[in-house]
Each structure stands twice: as structure tokens, then as C-alpha cells.
PDB file of N, CA and C in Angstrom:
ATOM      1  N   MET A   1       0.848  -1.165   0.000  1.00  0.00           N
ATOM      2  CA  MET A   1       0.000   0.000   0.000  1.00  0.00           C
ATOM      3  C   MET A   1       0.897   1.233   0.000  1.00  0.00           C
ATOM      4  N   LYS A   2       0.463   2.239  -0.741  1.00  0.00           N
ATOM      5  CA  LYS A   2       1.198   3.496  -0.779  1.00  0.00           C
ATOM      6  C   LYS A   2       0.299   4.598  -0.253  1.00  0.00           C
ATOM      7  N   LEU A   3       0.890   5.509   0.493  1.00  0.00           N
ATOM      8  CA  LEU A   3       0.160   6.624   1.082  1.00  0.00           C
ATOM      9  C   LEU A   3       0.872   7.926   0.754  1.00  0.00           C
ATOM     10  N   ILE A   4       0.111   8.984   0.647  1.00  0.00           N
ATOM     11  CA  ILE A   4       0.685  10.311   0.522  1.00  0.00           C
ATOM     12  C   ILE A   4       0.267  11.084   1.766  1.00  0.00           C
ATOM     13  N   LEU A   5       1.247  11.619   2.453  1.00  0.00           N
ATOM     14  CA  LEU A   5       0.998  12.373   3.682  1.00  0.00           C
ATOM     15  C   LEU A   5       1.385  13.819   3.471  1.00  0.00           C
ATOM     16  N   GLU A   6       0.606  14.738   4.006  1.00  0.00           N
ATOM     17  CA  GLU A   6       0.974  16.144   4.007  1.00  0.00           C
ATOM     18  C   GLU A   6       1.449  16.477   5.409  1.00  0.00           C
ATOM     19  N   ILE A   7       2.701  16.884   5.498  1.00  0.00           N
ATOM     20  CA  ILE A   7       3.324  17.149   6.792  1.00  0.00           C
ATOM     21  C   ILE A   7       3.921  18.548   6.761  1.00  0.00           C
ATOM     22  N   LYS A   8       3.729  19.293   7.835  1.00  0.00           N
ATOM     23  CA  LYS A   8       4.323  20.631   7.922  1.00  0.00           C
ATOM     24  C   LYS A   8       5.842  20.503   7.780  1.00  0.00           C
ATOM     25  N   ASP A   9       6.434  21.476   7.084  1.00  0.00           N
ATOM     26  CA  ASP A   9       7.870  21.428   6.808  1.00  0.00           C
ATOM     27  C   ASP A   9       8.719  21.291   8.073  1.00  0.00           C
ATOM     28  N   ASN A  10       8.311  21.948   9.143  1.00  0.00           N
ATOM     29  CA  ASN A  10       9.119  21.896  10.354  1.00  0.00           C
ATOM     30  C   ASN A  10       9.012  20.549  11.080  1.00  0.00           C
ATOM     31  N   LYS A  11       8.016  19.738  10.757  1.00  0.00           N
ATOM     32  CA  LYS A  11       7.848  18.415  11.383  1.00  0.00           C
ATOM     33  C   LYS A  11       8.324  17.277  10.488  1.00  0.00           C
ATOM     34  N   ALA A  12       8.604  17.563   9.219  1.00  0.00           N
ATOM     35  CA  ALA A  12       8.973  16.520   8.260  1.00  0.00           C
ATOM     36  C   ALA A  12      10.205  15.710   8.674  1.00  0.00           C
ATOM     37  N   PRO A  13      11.292  16.323   9.134  1.00  0.00           N
ATOM     38  CA  PRO A  13      12.453  15.508   9.528  1.00  0.00           C
ATOM     39  C   PRO A  13      12.127  14.512  10.643  1.00  0.00           C
ATOM     40  N   PHE A  14      11.323  14.941  11.614  1.00  0.00           N
ATOM     41  CA  PHE A  14      10.943  14.049  12.710  1.00  0.00           C
ATOM     42  C   PHE A  14      10.139  12.858  12.191  1.00  0.00           C
ATOM     43  N   VAL A  15       9.155  13.143  11.341  1.00  0.00           N
ATOM     44  CA  VAL A  15       8.296  12.074  10.815  1.00  0.00           C
ATOM     45  C   VAL A  15       9.109  11.119   9.949  1.00  0.00           C
ATOM     46  N   MET A  16      10.007  11.656   9.109  1.00  0.00           N
ATOM     47  CA  MET A  16      10.840  10.801   8.262  1.00  0.00           C
ATOM     48  C   MET A  16      11.724   9.897   9.112  1.00  0.00           C
ATOM     49  N   GLU A  17      12.323  10.453  10.149  1.00  0.00           N
ATOM     50  CA  GLU A  17      13.164   9.634  11.033  1.00  0.00           C
ATOM     51  C   GLU A  17      12.339   8.551  11.718  1.00  0.00           C
ATOM     52  N   LEU A  18      11.152   8.899  12.153  1.00  0.00           N
ATOM     53  CA  LEU A  18      10.265   7.946  12.798  1.00  0.00           C
ATOM     54  C   LEU A  18       9.910   6.801  11.847  1.00  0.00           C
ATOM     55  N   LEU A  19       9.510   7.142  10.631  1.00  0.00           N
ATOM     56  CA  LEU A  19       9.117   6.121   9.658  1.00  0.00           C
ATOM     57  C   LEU A  19      10.285   5.226   9.257  1.00  0.00           C
ATOM     58  N   GLN A  20      11.471   5.793   9.160  1.00  0.00           N
ATOM     59  CA  GLN A  20      12.635   5.002   8.754  1.00  0.00           C
ATOM     60  C   GLN A  20      13.076   4.019   9.835  1.00  0.00           C
ATOM     61  N   ASN A  21      12.590   4.184  11.045  1.00  0.00           N
ATOM     62  CA  ASN A  21      12.917   3.252  12.122  1.00  0.00           C
ATOM     63  C   ASN A  21      12.080   1.978  12.074  1.00  0.00           C
ATOM     64  N   PHE A  22      11.069   1.947  11.215  1.00  0.00           N
ATOM     65  CA  PHE A  22      10.266   0.740  11.031  1.00  0.00           C
ATOM     66  C   PHE A  22      10.813  -0.024   9.833  1.00  0.00           C
ATOM     67  N   SER A  23      11.163  -1.284  10.049  1.00  0.00           N
ATOM     68  CA  SER A  23      11.760  -2.072   8.969  1.00  0.00           C
ATOM     69  C   SER A  23      10.768  -2.374   7.848  1.00  0.00           C
ATOM     70  N   PHE A  24       9.482  -2.301   8.129  1.00  0.00           N
ATOM     71  CA  PHE A  24       8.467  -2.638   7.136  1.00  0.00           C
ATOM     72  C   PHE A  24       7.965  -1.417   6.369  1.00  0.00           C
ATOM     73  N   ILE A  25       8.564  -0.252   6.597  1.00  0.00           N
ATOM     74  CA  ILE A  25       8.160   0.973   5.900  1.00  0.00           C
ATOM     75  C   ILE A  25       9.335   1.514   5.097  1.00  0.00           C
ATOM     76  N   LYS A  26       9.065   1.839   3.839  1.00  0.00           N
ATOM     77  CA  LYS A  26      10.051   2.502   3.000  1.00  0.00           C
ATOM     78  C   LYS A  26       9.510   3.898   2.729  1.00  0.00           C
ATOM     79  N   ALA A  27      10.129   4.907   3.297  1.00  0.00           N
ATOM     80  CA  ALA A  27       9.663   6.284   3.158  1.00  0.00           C
ATOM     81  C   ALA A  27      10.559   7.029   2.175  1.00  0.00           C
ATOM     82  N   THR A  28       9.925   7.597   1.151  1.00  0.00           N
ATOM     83  CA  THR A  28      10.655   8.359   0.143  1.00  0.00           C
ATOM     84  C   THR A  28       9.941   9.686  -0.067  1.00  0.00           C
ATOM     85  N   PRO A  29      10.602  10.793   0.206  1.00  0.00           N
ATOM     86  CA  PRO A  29       9.947  12.083  -0.008  1.00  0.00           C
ATOM     87  C   PRO A  29       9.807  12.384  -1.507  1.00  0.00           C
ATOM     88  N   ILE A  30       8.734  13.105  -1.865  1.00  0.00           N
ATOM     89  CA  ILE A  30       8.552  13.542  -3.245  1.00  0.00           C
ATOM     90  C   ILE A  30       8.382  15.055  -3.246  1.00  0.00           C
ATOM     91  N   SER A  31       8.626  15.657  -4.381  1.00  0.00           N
ATOM     92  CA  SER A  31       8.513  17.113  -4.483  1.00  0.00           C
ATOM     93  C   SER A  31       7.046  17.528  -4.473  1.00  0.00           C
ATOM     94  N   SER A  32       6.814  18.780  -4.169  1.00  0.00           N
ATOM     95  CA  SER A  32       5.441  19.276  -4.159  1.00  0.00           C
ATOM     96  C   SER A  32       4.870  19.253  -5.579  1.00  0.00           C
ATOM     97  N   TYR A  33       5.733  19.416  -6.588  1.00  0.00           N
ATOM     98  CA  TYR A  33       5.283  19.349  -7.988  1.00  0.00           C
ATOM     99  C   TYR A  33       4.740  17.958  -8.300  1.00  0.00           C
ATOM    100  N   LYS A  34       5.470  16.916  -7.923  1.00  0.00           N
ATOM    101  CA  LYS A  34       5.017  15.549  -8.164  1.00  0.00           C
ATOM    102  C   LYS A  34       3.747  15.255  -7.370  1.00  0.00           C
ATOM    103  N   SER A  35       3.674  15.793  -6.174  1.00  0.00           N
ATOM    104  CA  SER A  35       2.490  15.608  -5.354  1.00  0.00           C
ATOM    105  C   SER A  35       1.260  16.203  -6.034  1.00  0.00           C
ATOM    106  N   GLU A  36       1.401  17.394  -6.613  1.00  0.00           N
ATOM    107  CA  GLU A  36       0.291  18.029  -7.319  1.00  0.00           C
ATOM    108  C   GLU A  36      -0.127  17.215  -8.536  1.00  0.00           C
ATOM    109  N   ILE A  37       0.856  16.676  -9.260  1.00  0.00           N
ATOM    110  CA  ILE A  37       0.549  15.858 -10.435  1.00  0.00           C
ATOM    111  C   ILE A  37      -0.241  14.621 -10.016  1.00  0.00           C
ATOM    112  N   LEU A  38       0.192  13.955  -8.949  1.00  0.00           N
ATOM    113  CA  LEU A  38      -0.523  12.771  -8.468  1.00  0.00           C
ATOM    114  C   LEU A  38      -1.941  13.115  -8.023  1.00  0.00           C
ATOM    115  N   LYS A  39      -2.092  14.247  -7.367  1.00  0.00           N
ATOM    116  CA  LYS A  39      -3.413  14.682  -6.907  1.00  0.00           C
ATOM    117  C   LYS A  39      -4.328  14.954  -8.104  1.00  0.00           C
ATOM    118  N   ASP A  40      -3.799  15.655  -9.114  1.00  0.00           N
ATOM    119  CA  ASP A  40      -4.589  15.948 -10.313  1.00  0.00           C
ATOM    120  C   ASP A  40      -4.937  14.682 -11.078  1.00  0.00           C
ATOM    121  N   LEU A  41      -3.999  13.756 -11.160  1.00  0.00           N
ATOM    122  CA  LEU A  41      -4.243  12.497 -11.854  1.00  0.00           C
ATOM    123  C   LEU A  41      -5.336  11.696 -11.151  1.00  0.00           C
ATOM    124  N   LYS A  42      -5.295  11.653  -9.829  1.00  0.00           N
ATOM    125  CA  LYS A  42      -6.323  10.945  -9.068  1.00  0.00           C
ATOM    126  C   LYS A  42      -7.692  11.573  -9.293  1.00  0.00           C
ATOM    127  N   GLU A  43      -7.746  12.898  -9.312  1.00  0.00           N
ATOM    128  CA  GLU A  43      -9.005  13.590  -9.558  1.00  0.00           C
ATOM    129  C   GLU A  43      -9.543  13.261 -10.947  1.00  0.00           C
ATOM    130  N   SER A  44      -8.654  13.190 -11.935  1.00  0.00           N
ATOM    131  CA  SER A  44      -9.061  12.855 -13.299  1.00  0.00           C
ATOM    132  C   SER A  44      -9.636  11.446 -13.378  1.00  0.00           C
ATOM    133  N   VAL A  45      -8.981  10.508 -12.728  1.00  0.00           N
ATOM    134  CA  VAL A  45      -9.468   9.124 -12.723  1.00  0.00           C
ATOM    135  C   VAL A  45     -10.812   9.039 -12.006  1.00  0.00           C
ATOM    136  N   ASP A  46     -10.952   9.744 -10.912  1.00  0.00           N
ATOM    137  CA  ASP A  46     -12.232   9.761 -10.187  1.00  0.00           C
ATOM    138  C   ASP A  46     -13.350  10.314 -11.076  1.00  0.00           C
ATOM    139  N   ASN A  47     -13.053  11.392 -11.810  1.00  0.00           N
ATOM    140  CA  ASN A  47     -14.058  11.972 -12.710  1.00  0.00           C
ATOM    141  C   ASN A  47     -14.405  11.009 -13.833  1.00  0.00           C
ATOM    142  N   LEU A  48     -13.415  10.334 -14.377  1.00  0.00           N
ATOM    143  CA  LEU A  48     -13.668   9.355 -15.437  1.00  0.00           C
ATOM    144  C   LEU A  48     -14.570   8.234 -14.929  1.00  0.00           C
ATOM    145  N   ASN A  49     -14.323   7.775 -13.720  1.00  0.00           N
ATOM    146  CA  ASN A  49     -15.176   6.731 -13.137  1.00  0.00           C
ATOM    147  C   ASN A  49     -16.607   7.220 -12.945  1.00  0.00           C
ATOM    148  N   LEU A  50     -16.778   8.485 -12.564  1.00  0.00           N
ATOM    149  CA  LEU A  50     -18.117   9.051 -12.416  1.00  0.00           C
ATOM    150  C   LEU A  50     -18.820   9.145 -13.770  1.00  0.00           C
ATOM    151  N   VAL A  51     -18.080   9.471 -14.819  1.00  0.00           N
ATOM    152  CA  VAL A  51     -18.659   9.519 -16.164  1.00  0.00           C
ATOM    153  C   VAL A  51     -19.109   8.127 -16.573  1.00  0.00           C
ATOM    154  N   LYS A  52     -18.267   7.126 -16.330  1.00  0.00           N
ATOM    155  CA  LYS A  52     -18.616   5.749 -16.690  1.00  0.00           C
ATOM    156  C   LYS A  52     -19.861   5.270 -15.955  1.00  0.00           C
ATOM    157  N   LYS A  53     -20.036   5.729 -14.710  1.00  0.00           N
ATOM    158  CA  LYS A  53     -21.206   5.342 -13.926  1.00  0.00           C
ATOM    159  C   LYS A  53     -22.433   6.175 -14.278  1.00  0.00           C
ATOM    160  N   GLY A  54     -22.263   7.193 -15.113  1.00  0.00           N
ATOM    161  CA  GLY A  54     -23.376   8.039 -15.514  1.00  0.00           C
ATOM    162  C   GLY A  54     -23.745   9.092 -14.489  1.00  0.00           C
ATOM    163  N   LYS A  55     -22.886   9.345 -13.530  1.00  0.00           N
ATOM    164  CA  LYS A  55     -23.201  10.317 -12.478  1.00  0.00           C
ATOM    165  C   LYS A  55     -22.875  11.743 -12.891  1.00  0.00           C
ATOM    166  N   ILE A  56     -21.953  11.906 -13.838  1.00  0.00           N
ATOM    167  CA  ILE A  56     -21.688  13.223 -14.407  1.00  0.00           C
ATOM    168  C   ILE A  56     -21.621  13.075 -15.917  1.00  0.00           C
ATOM    169  N   LYS A  57     -21.884  14.188 -16.614  1.00  0.00           N
ATOM    170  CA  LYS A  57     -21.905  14.154 -18.071  1.00  0.00           C
ATOM    171  C   LYS A  57     -20.532  14.550 -18.608  1.00  0.00           C
ATOM    172  N   SER A  58     -20.088  13.845 -19.636  1.00  0.00           N
ATOM    173  CA  SER A  58     -18.820  14.183 -20.269  1.00  0.00           C
ATOM    174  C   SER A  58     -19.053  15.192 -21.387  1.00  0.00           C
ATOM    175  N   ILE A  59     -17.965  15.805 -21.843  1.00  0.00           N
ATOM    176  CA  ILE A  59     -18.061  16.688 -22.994  1.00  0.00           C
ATOM    177  C   ILE A  59     -17.143  16.147 -24.083  1.00  0.00           C
ATOM    178  N   SER A  60     -17.488  16.446 -25.306  1.00  0.00           N
ATOM    179  CA  SER A  60     -16.685  15.932 -26.417  1.00  0.00           C
ATOM    180  C   SER A  60     -15.380  16.713 -26.527  1.00  0.00           C
ATOM    181  N   ALA A  61     -14.417  16.118 -27.217  1.00  0.00           N
ATOM    182  CA  ALA A  61     -13.134  16.777 -27.422  1.00  0.00           C
ATOM    183  C   ALA A  61     -13.317  18.057 -28.239  1.00  0.00           C
ATOM    184  N   ARG A  62     -14.249  18.033 -29.186  1.00  0.00           N
ATOM    185  CA  ARG A  62     -14.517  19.223 -30.003  1.00  0.00           C
ATOM    186  C   ARG A  62     -15.033  20.361 -29.125  1.00  0.00           C
ATOM    187  N   ASP A  63     -15.961  20.062 -28.213  1.00  0.00           N
ATOM    188  CA  ASP A  63     -16.485  21.088 -27.320  1.00  0.00           C
ATOM    189  C   ASP A  63     -15.378  21.637 -26.409  1.00  0.00           C
ATOM    190  N   LEU A  64     -14.529  20.754 -25.941  1.00  0.00           N
ATOM    191  CA  LEU A  64     -13.413  21.175 -25.103  1.00  0.00           C
ATOM    192  C   LEU A  64     -12.481  22.088 -25.882  1.00  0.00           C
ATOM    193  N   TYR A  65     -12.178  21.708 -27.124  1.00  0.00           N
ATOM    194  CA  TYR A  65     -11.329  22.530 -27.982  1.00  0.00           C
ATOM    195  C   TYR A  65     -11.962  23.908 -28.218  1.00  0.00           C
ATOM    196  N   ASN A  66     -13.253  23.931 -28.466  1.00  0.00           N
ATOM    197  CA  ASN A  66     -13.950  25.187 -28.724  1.00  0.00           C
ATOM    198  C   ASN A  66     -13.949  26.114 -27.511  1.00  0.00           C
ATOM    199  N   GLU A  67     -13.895  25.523 -26.314  1.00  0.00           N
ATOM    200  CA  GLU A  67     -13.832  26.334 -25.089  1.00  0.00           C
ATOM    201  C   GLU A  67     -12.508  27.066 -24.982  1.00  0.00           C
ATOM    202  N   LEU A  68     -11.468  26.469 -25.565  1.00  0.00           N
ATOM    203  CA  LEU A  68     -10.146  27.102 -25.493  1.00  0.00           C
ATOM    204  C   LEU A  68     -10.085  28.269 -26.439  1.00  0.00           C
TER     205      LEU A  68
END
């Protein structure tokens, strides 16, 4: 299982040290840019799943292009 945690900058070293003391946890920090990309990607997948379930309406690529 993979988790993304948001930790205040001043507490990050403590949390990283704590996590690294557990042999069953591999903690690797990622940049805030990568974190934003992962968050946006998850939101996109969630929206796609809602479209597939018919809970939200999709728009065509042509309509999207015309909006630009």
C-alpha cells in the first residue's frame, strides 16, 4: 500500500526519522510538484469513473477545444 501524507515542513524531519525506524516501511519524499501531479491524476481518474457510472456528463473533445 502506498500513502501520501501532508506534513508541515518543520515536522517533516521528525516524521521521516520515525518512519525510517520501522523495517516494514520505505519512506521516500517527493517534491510538491510531483504531489500536485498525483493529486490531479487521481481527480481525473475519479471523474472518469463518475462519467462511466453516468453520475456526471462528459463533454466531447470538439467542445473542449472550442472552449479554449
